[in-house]
């Protein structure tokens, strides 16, 4: 099986590549990335056990000609390429629209004209917007940010493809955890950096807002299982846990007892979003066991240089 991963040099792509190269069924993993986020760390560090399986193509998802050429003899496409920029998900709407919406449209058009057997699109739970109750796959999307809107519009193109090609939309929670391409704009990762090197964390709002999270390793390994399993076309949520920001702080204070934290704009009531972890996806692939946040953050801390 030959896999092409758009945005494969990024945070999730780095972890997914590590998972795939060790599978006997995988013949080649093609990383299709424009390196716009300077993810050169993907190319450094410990070599993969089977490095001959990995190929890199530097390209834009809006470069239709190169994209179509790169899809020749590919079996599965995993579309990760996106503009995220947490927490500034409501700035520069044109950028989100161009890459997340129309870039996904170009990927879908290219897949339609190829012999691809499966497309997996990593969307986001941000498409749900805000909900006081637990959201699940049956909850109507209502995005509140330009990022969420652009991911939902990308989903619409993938939905159109489901009639002809096995197409799977995975709505992931807020990703966290260490790997060599990690994003420090993700909330838990940013907290860990600030706690370790500044001994101070800044919290926006009251800290009582809740979000859905998933460890990067769990997300990548789940995507790997979707690639290698029979999963019907559809939309599935993938989250580990729902956490209030203050709950995360409690765990971090156990790890860093002298940690200071300051609140900004406490008058703001930031949106709530809880996602039901019992996804329909786990009718088709095995779910990873729940993990302890403190153990995960201690493992993260052990990878920091000083």
C-alpha atoms as a PDB file:
ATOM      1  CA  UNK A   1       0.000   0.000   0.000  1.00  0.00           C
ATOM      2  CA  UNK A   2       1.288   3.439  -0.960  1.00  0.00           C
ATOM      3  CA  UNK A   3       0.170   6.414   1.152  1.00  0.00           C
ATOM      4  CA  UNK A   4       0.384  10.128   0.362  1.00  0.00           C
ATOM      5  CA  UNK A   5       0.074  12.570   3.277  1.00  0.00           C
ATOM      6  CA  UNK A   6      -0.560  16.233   2.496  1.00  0.00           C
ATOM      7  CA  UNK A   7       0.987  18.417   5.188  1.00  0.00           C
ATOM      8  CA  UNK A   8       2.906  15.311   6.211  1.00  0.00           C
ATOM      9  CA  UNK A   9       5.893  17.175   7.670  1.00  0.00           C
ATOM     10  CA  UNK A  10       3.666  18.814  10.299  1.00  0.00           C
ATOM     11  CA  UNK A  11       2.755  17.914  13.852  1.00  0.00           C
ATOM     12  CA  UNK A  12       0.287  15.097  13.172  1.00  0.00           C
ATOM     13  CA  UNK A  13       2.019  14.018   9.953  1.00  0.00           C
ATOM     14  CA  UNK A  14       5.312  13.422  11.764  1.00  0.00           C
ATOM     15  CA  UNK A  15       3.625  11.089  14.243  1.00  0.00           C
ATOM     16  CA  UNK A  16       1.564   9.359  11.557  1.00  0.00           C
ATOM     17  CA  UNK A  17       4.638   8.685   9.421  1.00  0.00           C
ATOM     18  CA  UNK A  18       6.353   7.099  12.417  1.00  0.00           C
ATOM     19  CA  UNK A  19       3.352   4.797  12.851  1.00  0.00           C
ATOM     20  CA  UNK A  20       3.057   3.835   9.185  1.00  0.00           C
ATOM     21  CA  UNK A  21       6.658   2.972   8.327  1.00  0.00           C
ATOM     22  CA  UNK A  22       6.615   0.103  10.824  1.00  0.00           C
ATOM     23  CA  UNK A  23       3.573  -1.581   9.250  1.00  0.00           C
ATOM     24  CA  UNK A  24       4.287  -4.472   6.897  1.00  0.00           C
ATOM     25  CA  UNK A  25       1.341  -3.555   4.636  1.00  0.00           C
ATOM     26  CA  UNK A  26       2.811  -0.115   3.899  1.00  0.00           C
ATOM     27  CA  UNK A  27       5.158  -0.026   0.929  1.00  0.00           C
ATOM     28  CA  UNK A  28       5.787   3.721   0.738  1.00  0.00           C
ATOM     29  CA  UNK A  29       4.798   6.938   2.539  1.00  0.00           C
ATOM     30  CA  UNK A  30       4.966  10.080   0.403  1.00  0.00           C
ATOM     31  CA  UNK A  31       5.151  13.344   2.340  1.00  0.00           C
ATOM     32  CA  UNK A  32       3.592  16.151   0.279  1.00  0.00           C
ATOM     33  CA  UNK A  33       4.304  19.464   2.028  1.00  0.00           C
ATOM     34  CA  UNK A  34       5.248  23.030   1.103  1.00  0.00           C
ATOM     35  CA  UNK A  35       7.168  23.570   4.381  1.00  0.00           C
ATOM     36  CA  UNK A  36       5.409  26.918   4.820  1.00  0.00           C
ATOM     37  CA  UNK A  37       5.530  26.411   8.583  1.00  0.00           C
ATOM     38  CA  UNK A  38       9.261  25.603   8.509  1.00  0.00           C
ATOM     39  CA  UNK A  39       8.724  22.063   9.745  1.00  0.00           C
ATOM     40  CA  UNK A  40      12.326  21.083   9.106  1.00  0.00           C
ATOM     41  CA  UNK A  41      12.401  19.107  12.352  1.00  0.00           C
ATOM     42  CA  UNK A  42      10.566  16.369  10.466  1.00  0.00           C
ATOM     43  CA  UNK A  43      13.833  15.651   8.661  1.00  0.00           C
ATOM     44  CA  UNK A  44      15.984  15.508  11.815  1.00  0.00           C
ATOM     45  CA  UNK A  45      16.434  13.269  14.821  1.00  0.00           C
ATOM     46  CA  UNK A  46      16.431   9.489  15.082  1.00  0.00           C
ATOM     47  CA  UNK A  47      16.135   7.772  11.717  1.00  0.00           C
ATOM     48  CA  UNK A  48      13.038   5.690  11.005  1.00  0.00           C
ATOM     49  CA  UNK A  49      13.470   1.918  11.268  1.00  0.00           C
ATOM     50  CA  UNK A  50      12.728   1.643   7.538  1.00  0.00           C
ATOM     51  CA  UNK A  51      13.719   5.063   6.116  1.00  0.00           C
ATOM     52  CA  UNK A  52      13.647   3.743   2.547  1.00  0.00           C
ATOM     53  CA  UNK A  53       9.838   3.752   2.794  1.00  0.00           C
ATOM     54  CA  UNK A  54       9.635   7.574   3.116  1.00  0.00           C
ATOM     55  CA  UNK A  55       9.675   9.962   0.130  1.00  0.00           C
ATOM     56  CA  UNK A  56       9.365  13.753   0.232  1.00  0.00           C
ATOM     57  CA  UNK A  57       7.662  15.936  -2.393  1.00  0.00           C
ATOM     58  CA  UNK A  58       7.779  19.689  -1.832  1.00  0.00           C
ATOM     59  CA  UNK A  59       4.553  21.057  -3.238  1.00  0.00           C
ATOM     60  CA  UNK A  60       1.434  23.145  -2.713  1.00  0.00           C
ATOM     61  CA  UNK A  61      -2.021  21.583  -2.504  1.00  0.00           C
ATOM     62  CA  UNK A  62      -3.136  24.427  -4.795  1.00  0.00           C
ATOM     63  CA  UNK A  63      -0.597  23.268  -7.403  1.00  0.00           C
ATOM     64  CA  UNK A  64      -3.082  21.050  -9.233  1.00  0.00           C
ATOM     65  CA  UNK A  65      -0.624  19.708 -11.804  1.00  0.00           C
ATOM     66  CA  UNK A  66       1.987  18.577  -9.266  1.00  0.00           C
ATOM     67  CA  UNK A  67      -0.671  17.204  -6.929  1.00  0.00           C
ATOM     68  CA  UNK A  68      -2.241  15.068  -9.655  1.00  0.00           C
ATOM     69  CA  UNK A  69       1.168  13.790 -10.742  1.00  0.00           C
ATOM     70  CA  UNK A  70       2.027  12.899  -7.137  1.00  0.00           C
ATOM     71  CA  UNK A  71      -1.181  10.835  -6.818  1.00  0.00           C
ATOM     72  CA  UNK A  72      -0.127   8.397  -9.553  1.00  0.00           C
ATOM     73  CA  UNK A  73      -0.051   4.829  -8.171  1.00  0.00           C
ATOM     74  CA  UNK A  74      -1.185   6.014  -4.711  1.00  0.00           C
ATOM     75  CA  UNK A  75      -3.696   3.880  -2.799  1.00  0.00           C
ATOM     76  CA  UNK A  76      -4.670   6.160   0.114  1.00  0.00           C
ATOM     77  CA  UNK A  77      -4.533   9.935   0.601  1.00  0.00           C
ATOM     78  CA  UNK A  78      -4.468  11.422   4.110  1.00  0.00           C
ATOM     79  CA  UNK A  79      -5.228  15.128   3.851  1.00  0.00           C
ATOM     80  CA  UNK A  80      -3.686  16.943   6.821  1.00  0.00           C
ATOM     81  CA  UNK A  81      -2.520  20.179   5.147  1.00  0.00           C
ATOM     82  CA  UNK A  82      -4.244  23.172   6.754  1.00  0.00           C
ATOM     83  CA  UNK A  83      -3.821  26.596   8.273  1.00  0.00           C
ATOM     84  CA  UNK A  84      -4.492  26.308  12.012  1.00  0.00           C
ATOM     85  CA  UNK A  85      -2.761  29.113  13.952  1.00  0.00           C
ATOM     86  CA  UNK A  86      -4.363  28.510  17.321  1.00  0.00           C
ATOM     87  CA  UNK A  87      -5.450  30.590  19.226  1.00  0.00           C
ATOM     88  CA  UNK A  88      -5.826  33.197  16.450  1.00  0.00           C
ATOM     89  CA  UNK A  89      -8.426  31.165  14.584  1.00  0.00           C
ATOM     90  CA  UNK A  90     -10.501  34.227  13.756  1.00  0.00           C
ATOM     91  CA  UNK A  91      -7.912  36.281  11.886  1.00  0.00           C
ATOM     92  CA  UNK A  92      -7.118  36.512   8.166  1.00  0.00           C
ATOM     93  CA  UNK A  93     -10.234  34.758   6.805  1.00  0.00           C
ATOM     94  CA  UNK A  94      -8.920  34.769   3.231  1.00  0.00           C
ATOM     95  CA  UNK A  95      -5.935  32.617   4.223  1.00  0.00           C
ATOM     96  CA  UNK A  96      -8.158  30.005   5.891  1.00  0.00           C
ATOM     97  CA  UNK A  97     -10.561  30.024   2.959  1.00  0.00           C
ATOM     98  CA  UNK A  98      -7.814  29.648   0.379  1.00  0.00           C
ATOM     99  CA  UNK A  99      -5.949  26.756   2.024  1.00  0.00           C
ATOM    100  CA  UNK A 100      -8.495  24.909   4.152  1.00  0.00           C
ATOM    101  CA  UNK A 101     -11.493  25.269   1.851  1.00  0.00           C
ATOM    102  CA  UNK A 102     -10.212  25.557  -1.713  1.00  0.00           C
ATOM    103  CA  UNK A 103      -7.080  23.548  -1.003  1.00  0.00           C
ATOM    104  CA  UNK A 104      -9.281  20.676   0.143  1.00  0.00           C
ATOM    105  CA  UNK A 105     -11.424  21.149  -2.967  1.00  0.00           C
ATOM    106  CA  UNK A 106      -8.299  20.727  -5.111  1.00  0.00           C
ATOM    107  CA  UNK A 107      -7.352  17.559  -3.249  1.00  0.00           C
ATOM    108  CA  UNK A 108     -10.847  16.144  -3.807  1.00  0.00           C
ATOM    109  CA  UNK A 109     -10.780  17.029  -7.521  1.00  0.00           C
ATOM    110  CA  UNK A 110      -7.387  15.348  -7.878  1.00  0.00           C
ATOM    111  CA  UNK A 111      -8.604  12.222  -6.074  1.00  0.00           C
ATOM    112  CA  UNK A 112     -11.658  12.071  -8.354  1.00  0.00           C
ATOM    113  CA  UNK A 113      -9.389  11.880 -11.387  1.00  0.00           C
ATOM    114  CA  UNK A 114      -7.142   9.203  -9.881  1.00  0.00           C
ATOM    115  CA  UNK A 115      -7.377   5.561  -8.834  1.00  0.00           C
ATOM    116  CA  UNK A 116      -7.276   6.378  -5.116  1.00  0.00           C
ATOM    117  CA  UNK A 117      -9.207   3.818  -3.063  1.00  0.00           C
ATOM    118  CA  UNK A 118      -9.504   5.852   0.155  1.00  0.00           C
ATOM    119  CA  UNK A 119      -9.374   9.510   1.249  1.00  0.00           C
ATOM    120  CA  UNK A 120      -9.033  10.487   4.895  1.00  0.00           C
ATOM    121  CA  UNK A 121      -9.586  14.152   5.762  1.00  0.00           C
ATOM    122  CA  UNK A 122      -8.527  15.481   9.157  1.00  0.00           C
ATOM    123  CA  UNK A 123     -11.139  18.049  10.112  1.00  0.00           C
ATOM    124  CA  UNK A 124     -11.692  19.548  13.568  1.00  0.00           C
ATOM    125  CA  UNK A 125     -14.210  19.516  16.395  1.00  0.00           C
ATOM    126  CA  UNK A 126     -14.200  23.319  16.007  1.00  0.00           C
ATOM    127  CA  UNK A 127     -16.873  22.820  13.324  1.00  0.00           C
ATOM    128  CA  UNK A 128     -19.366  22.321  16.197  1.00  0.00           C
ATOM    129  CA  UNK A 129     -18.802  25.841  17.497  1.00  0.00           C
ATOM    130  CA  UNK A 130     -20.049  26.031  21.081  1.00  0.00           C
ATOM    131  CA  UNK A 131     -22.412  23.667  22.890  1.00  0.00           C
ATOM    132  CA  UNK A 132     -23.516  23.504  26.518  1.00  0.00           C
ATOM    133  CA  UNK A 133     -24.325  19.800  26.059  1.00  0.00           C
ATOM    134  CA  UNK A 134     -22.040  16.990  24.920  1.00  0.00           C
ATOM    135  CA  UNK A 135     -21.719  17.059  21.127  1.00  0.00           C
ATOM    136  CA  UNK A 136     -21.491  13.932  18.974  1.00  0.00           C
ATOM    137  CA  UNK A 137     -21.492  13.053  15.275  1.00  0.00           C
ATOM    138  CA  UNK A 138     -25.233  13.764  15.105  1.00  0.00           C
ATOM    139  CA  UNK A 139     -24.845  17.315  16.413  1.00  0.00           C
ATOM    140  CA  UNK A 140     -25.340  19.907  13.623  1.00  0.00           C
ATOM    141  CA  UNK A 141     -22.140  21.880  12.946  1.00  0.00           C
ATOM    142  CA  UNK A 142     -22.194  25.577  13.807  1.00  0.00           C
ATOM    143  CA  UNK A 143     -18.632  26.934  13.622  1.00  0.00           C
ATOM    144  CA  UNK A 144     -17.831  30.220  15.359  1.00  0.00           C
ATOM    145  CA  UNK A 145     -14.377  30.917  13.871  1.00  0.00           C
ATOM    146  CA  UNK A 146     -13.015  31.389  10.360  1.00  0.00           C
ATOM    147  CA  UNK A 147     -10.913  28.293  10.939  1.00  0.00           C
ATOM    148  CA  UNK A 148     -13.971  26.210  11.853  1.00  0.00           C
ATOM    149  CA  UNK A 149     -15.928  27.556   8.886  1.00  0.00           C
ATOM    150  CA  UNK A 150     -13.100  26.729   6.470  1.00  0.00           C
ATOM    151  CA  UNK A 151     -12.761  23.166   7.800  1.00  0.00           C
ATOM    152  CA  UNK A 152     -16.503  22.615   7.460  1.00  0.00           C
ATOM    153  CA  UNK A 153     -16.433  23.859   3.878  1.00  0.00           C
ATOM    154  CA  UNK A 154     -13.606  21.430   3.215  1.00  0.00           C
ATOM    155  CA  UNK A 155     -15.823  18.664   4.615  1.00  0.00           C
ATOM    156  CA  UNK A 156     -18.538  19.556   2.098  1.00  0.00           C
ATOM    157  CA  UNK A 157     -16.194  18.696  -0.767  1.00  0.00           C
ATOM    158  CA  UNK A 158     -15.227  15.387   0.844  1.00  0.00           C
ATOM    159  CA  UNK A 159     -18.906  14.567   1.411  1.00  0.00           C
ATOM    160  CA  UNK A 160     -19.508  14.905  -2.312  1.00  0.00           C
ATOM    161  CA  UNK A 161     -16.783  12.331  -2.966  1.00  0.00           C
ATOM    162  CA  UNK A 162     -18.354   9.710  -0.682  1.00  0.00           C
ATOM    163  CA  UNK A 163     -20.668   8.468  -3.446  1.00  0.00           C
ATOM    164  CA  UNK A 164     -17.738   7.232  -5.533  1.00  0.00           C
ATOM    165  CA  UNK A 165     -14.767   6.769  -3.164  1.00  0.00           C
ATOM    166  CA  UNK A 166     -14.308   5.524   0.389  1.00  0.00           C
ATOM    167  CA  UNK A 167     -14.015   8.930   2.089  1.00  0.00           C
ATOM    168  CA  UNK A 168     -13.617   9.394   5.829  1.00  0.00           C
ATOM    169  CA  UNK A 169     -13.771  12.673   7.752  1.00  0.00           C
ATOM    170  CA  UNK A 170     -12.060  12.615  11.140  1.00  0.00           C
ATOM    171  CA  UNK A 171     -12.927  15.519  13.442  1.00  0.00           C
ATOM    172  CA  UNK A 172     -10.028  15.686  15.871  1.00  0.00           C
ATOM    173  CA  UNK A 173      -9.936  17.455  19.208  1.00  0.00           C
ATOM    174  CA  UNK A 174      -7.228  19.879  20.362  1.00  0.00           C
ATOM    175  CA  UNK A 175      -3.963  18.013  19.837  1.00  0.00           C
ATOM    176  CA  UNK A 176      -1.187  17.953  22.436  1.00  0.00           C
ATOM    177  CA  UNK A 177       1.885  15.957  23.368  1.00  0.00           C
ATOM    178  CA  UNK A 178       5.532  15.780  22.395  1.00  0.00           C
ATOM    179  CA  UNK A 179       7.032  14.979  19.035  1.00  0.00           C
ATOM    180  CA  UNK A 180       9.858  16.646  17.136  1.00  0.00           C
ATOM    181  CA  UNK A 181       7.447  18.720  15.001  1.00  0.00           C
ATOM    182  CA  UNK A 182       5.161  19.807  17.824  1.00  0.00           C
ATOM    183  CA  UNK A 183       3.152  23.016  17.716  1.00  0.00           C
ATOM    184  CA  UNK A 184       3.693  25.368  20.635  1.00  0.00           C
ATOM    185  CA  UNK A 185       0.562  27.348  19.740  1.00  0.00           C
ATOM    186  CA  UNK A 186      -1.572  24.394  20.941  1.00  0.00           C
ATOM    187  CA  UNK A 187      -2.836  25.241  24.429  1.00  0.00           C
ATOM    188  CA  UNK A 188      -1.399  22.362  26.511  1.00  0.00           C
ATOM    189  CA  UNK A 189       1.931  22.456  24.673  1.00  0.00           C
ATOM    190  CA  UNK A 190       2.163  26.214  25.210  1.00  0.00           C
ATOM    191  CA  UNK A 191       1.383  25.779  28.902  1.00  0.00           C
ATOM    192  CA  UNK A 192       4.182  23.211  29.200  1.00  0.00           C
ATOM    193  CA  UNK A 193       6.704  25.512  27.518  1.00  0.00           C
ATOM    194  CA  UNK A 194       5.773  28.515  29.657  1.00  0.00           C
ATOM    195  CA  UNK A 195       5.689  26.496  32.888  1.00  0.00           C
ATOM    196  CA  UNK A 196       9.077  24.899  32.275  1.00  0.00           C
ATOM    197  CA  UNK A 197      10.995  27.942  31.085  1.00  0.00           C
ATOM    198  CA  UNK A 198       9.145  30.937  32.601  1.00  0.00           C
ATOM    199  CA  UNK A 199       7.389  29.356  35.588  1.00  0.00           C
ATOM    200  CA  UNK A 200       4.305  31.368  34.665  1.00  0.00           C
ATOM    201  CA  UNK A 201       1.173  30.615  32.655  1.00  0.00           C
ATOM    202  CA  UNK A 202      -1.290  33.120  31.228  1.00  0.00           C
ATOM    203  CA  UNK A 203      -4.966  32.103  31.138  1.00  0.00           C
ATOM    204  CA  UNK A 204      -7.519  33.900  28.985  1.00  0.00           C
ATOM    205  CA  UNK A 205     -10.973  34.218  30.528  1.00  0.00           C
ATOM    206  CA  UNK A 206     -11.979  32.524  33.782  1.00  0.00           C
ATOM    207  CA  UNK A 207     -10.275  29.208  33.040  1.00  0.00           C
ATOM    208  CA  UNK A 208     -13.604  27.419  33.436  1.00  0.00           C
ATOM    209  CA  UNK A 209     -14.012  26.890  29.685  1.00  0.00           C
ATOM    210  CA  UNK A 210     -13.882  23.257  28.546  1.00  0.00           C
ATOM    211  CA  UNK A 211     -12.354  21.814  25.377  1.00  0.00           C
ATOM    212  CA  UNK A 212     -11.958  18.352  23.860  1.00  0.00           C
ATOM    213  CA  UNK A 213      -8.366  17.081  23.614  1.00  0.00           C
ATOM    214  CA  UNK A 214      -6.491  14.196  22.049  1.00  0.00           C
ATOM    215  CA  UNK A 215      -2.854  13.155  22.404  1.00  0.00           C
ATOM    216  CA  UNK A 216      -0.950  13.377  19.126  1.00  0.00           C
ATOM    217  CA  UNK A 217       0.145   9.746  19.395  1.00  0.00           C
ATOM    218  CA  UNK A 218      -3.440   8.555  19.826  1.00  0.00           C
ATOM    219  CA  UNK A 219      -4.638  10.629  16.884  1.00  0.00           C
ATOM    220  CA  UNK A 220      -1.862   9.417  14.595  1.00  0.00           C
ATOM    221  CA  UNK A 221      -2.277   5.780  15.555  1.00  0.00           C
ATOM    222  CA  UNK A 222      -6.047   6.039  15.082  1.00  0.00           C
ATOM    223  CA  UNK A 223      -5.500   7.458  11.599  1.00  0.00           C
ATOM    224  CA  UNK A 224      -3.119   4.579  10.876  1.00  0.00           C
ATOM    225  CA  UNK A 225      -5.837   2.106  11.887  1.00  0.00           C
ATOM    226  CA  UNK A 226      -8.356   3.874   9.662  1.00  0.00           C
ATOM    227  CA  UNK A 227      -5.916   3.539   6.762  1.00  0.00           C
ATOM    228  CA  UNK A 228      -5.458  -0.201   7.236  1.00  0.00           C
ATOM    229  CA  UNK A 229      -9.037  -1.128   8.251  1.00  0.00           C
ATOM    230  CA  UNK A 230     -12.409  -1.329   6.534  1.00  0.00           C
ATOM    231  CA  UNK A 231     -14.141   1.854   7.675  1.00  0.00           C
ATOM    232  CA  UNK A 232     -17.346   3.013   5.916  1.00  0.00           C
ATOM    233  CA  UNK A 233     -17.447   6.478   4.397  1.00  0.00           C
ATOM    234  CA  UNK A 234     -18.676   8.975   6.978  1.00  0.00           C
ATOM    235  CA  UNK A 235     -17.808  11.551   9.610  1.00  0.00           C
ATOM    236  CA  UNK A 236     -16.306  10.528  12.933  1.00  0.00           C
ATOM    237  CA  UNK A 237     -15.113  12.355  16.064  1.00  0.00           C
ATOM    238  CA  UNK A 238     -11.782  11.396  17.637  1.00  0.00           C
ATOM    239  CA  UNK A 239     -11.085  12.790  21.121  1.00  0.00           C
ATOM    240  CA  UNK A 240      -9.482  11.439  24.293  1.00  0.00           C
ATOM    241  CA  UNK A 241     -10.934  13.612  26.997  1.00  0.00           C
ATOM    242  CA  UNK A 242     -12.786  16.838  27.810  1.00  0.00           C
ATOM    243  CA  UNK A 243     -10.850  19.129  30.132  1.00  0.00           C
ATOM    244  CA  UNK A 244     -11.521  22.439  31.814  1.00  0.00           C
ATOM    245  CA  UNK A 245      -8.519  24.753  31.622  1.00  0.00           C
ATOM    246  CA  UNK A 246      -8.424  24.876  35.439  1.00  0.00           C
ATOM    247  CA  UNK A 247      -8.210  21.069  35.514  1.00  0.00           C
ATOM    248  CA  UNK A 248      -5.119  21.236  33.314  1.00  0.00           C
ATOM    249  CA  UNK A 249      -3.619  23.816  35.669  1.00  0.00           C
ATOM    250  CA  UNK A 250      -4.216  21.542  38.671  1.00  0.00           C
ATOM    251  CA  UNK A 251      -2.201  18.793  37.000  1.00  0.00           C
ATOM    252  CA  UNK A 252       0.562  21.195  36.027  1.00  0.00           C
ATOM    253  CA  UNK A 253       0.843  22.507  39.573  1.00  0.00           C
ATOM    254  CA  UNK A 254       1.569  18.937  40.682  1.00  0.00           C
ATOM    255  CA  UNK A 255       4.409  18.823  38.168  1.00  0.00           C
ATOM    256  CA  UNK A 256       5.632  22.394  38.812  1.00  0.00           C
ATOM    257  CA  UNK A 257       4.746  23.148  42.490  1.00  0.00           C
ATOM    258  CA  UNK A 258       5.987  26.772  42.322  1.00  0.00           C
ATOM    259  CA  UNK A 259       4.093  27.555  39.133  1.00  0.00           C
ATOM    260  CA  UNK A 260       2.538  31.028  38.886  1.00  0.00           C
ATOM    261  CA  UNK A 261      -0.429  31.870  36.705  1.00  0.00           C
ATOM    262  CA  UNK A 262      -2.149  35.082  35.720  1.00  0.00           C
ATOM    263  CA  UNK A 263      -5.621  35.614  34.298  1.00  0.00           C
ATOM    264  CA  UNK A 264      -6.355  37.966  31.411  1.00  0.00           C
ATOM    265  CA  UNK A 265      -9.798  39.259  30.443  1.00  0.00           C
ATOM    266  CA  UNK A 266     -11.573  37.376  33.229  1.00  0.00           C
ATOM    267  CA  UNK A 267     -14.794  39.134  32.292  1.00  0.00           C
ATOM    268  CA  UNK A 268     -14.930  37.162  29.041  1.00  0.00           C
ATOM    269  CA  UNK A 269     -17.092  34.052  28.910  1.00  0.00           C
ATOM    270  CA  UNK A 270     -15.267  31.914  26.393  1.00  0.00           C
ATOM    271  CA  UNK A 271     -17.136  29.230  24.478  1.00  0.00           C
ATOM    272  CA  UNK A 272     -17.733  25.753  25.859  1.00  0.00           C
ATOM    273  CA  UNK A 273     -17.319  22.625  23.757  1.00  0.00           C
ATOM    274  CA  UNK A 274     -17.516  19.068  25.063  1.00  0.00           C
ATOM    275  CA  UNK A 275     -17.317  16.126  22.657  1.00  0.00           C
ATOM    276  CA  UNK A 276     -18.608  12.632  23.366  1.00  0.00           C
ATOM    277  CA  UNK A 277     -15.506  10.366  23.327  1.00  0.00           C
ATOM    278  CA  UNK A 278     -17.588   7.293  22.359  1.00  0.00           C
ATOM    279  CA  UNK A 279     -17.268   7.853  18.618  1.00  0.00           C
ATOM    280  CA  UNK A 280     -18.983   5.708  15.982  1.00  0.00           C
ATOM    281  CA  UNK A 281     -15.503   5.128  14.576  1.00  0.00           C
ATOM    282  CA  UNK A 282     -14.817   2.603  17.338  1.00  0.00           C
ATOM    283  CA  UNK A 283     -17.402   0.281  15.807  1.00  0.00           C
ATOM    284  CA  UNK A 284     -14.777  -0.273  13.101  1.00  0.00           C
ATOM    285  CA  UNK A 285     -11.345   0.242  14.700  1.00  0.00           C
ATOM    286  CA  UNK A 286     -10.059  -0.440  18.195  1.00  0.00           C
ATOM    287  CA  UNK A 287      -9.958   2.543  20.515  1.00  0.00           C
ATOM    288  CA  UNK A 288      -6.846   3.347  22.506  1.00  0.00           C
ATOM    289  CA  UNK A 289      -7.124   3.044  26.257  1.00  0.00           C
ATOM    290  CA  UNK A 290      -7.625   6.231  28.254  1.00  0.00           C
ATOM    291  CA  UNK A 291      -4.363   7.704  29.475  1.00  0.00           C
ATOM    292  CA  UNK A 292      -3.457   9.776  32.496  1.00  0.00           C
ATOM    293  CA  UNK A 293      -2.820  13.453  31.743  1.00  0.00           C
ATOM    294  CA  UNK A 294      -0.162  13.797  34.447  1.00  0.00           C
ATOM    295  CA  UNK A 295       1.820  10.850  33.064  1.00  0.00           C
ATOM    296  CA  UNK A 296       1.592  12.333  29.566  1.00  0.00           C
ATOM    297  CA  UNK A 297       2.828  15.746  30.736  1.00  0.00           C
ATOM    298  CA  UNK A 298       5.651  14.197  32.759  1.00  0.00           C
ATOM    299  CA  UNK A 299       6.724  12.370  29.585  1.00  0.00           C
ATOM    300  CA  UNK A 300       6.556  15.716  27.760  1.00  0.00           C
ATOM    301  CA  UNK A 301       8.659  17.378  30.446  1.00  0.00           C
ATOM    302  CA  UNK A 302      11.310  14.659  30.163  1.00  0.00           C
ATOM    303  CA  UNK A 303      11.854  15.613  26.504  1.00  0.00           C
ATOM    304  CA  UNK A 304      12.595  19.283  27.288  1.00  0.00           C
ATOM    305  CA  UNK A 305      16.301  20.069  27.229  1.00  0.00           C
ATOM    306  CA  UNK A 306      16.579  21.869  30.572  1.00  0.00           C
END
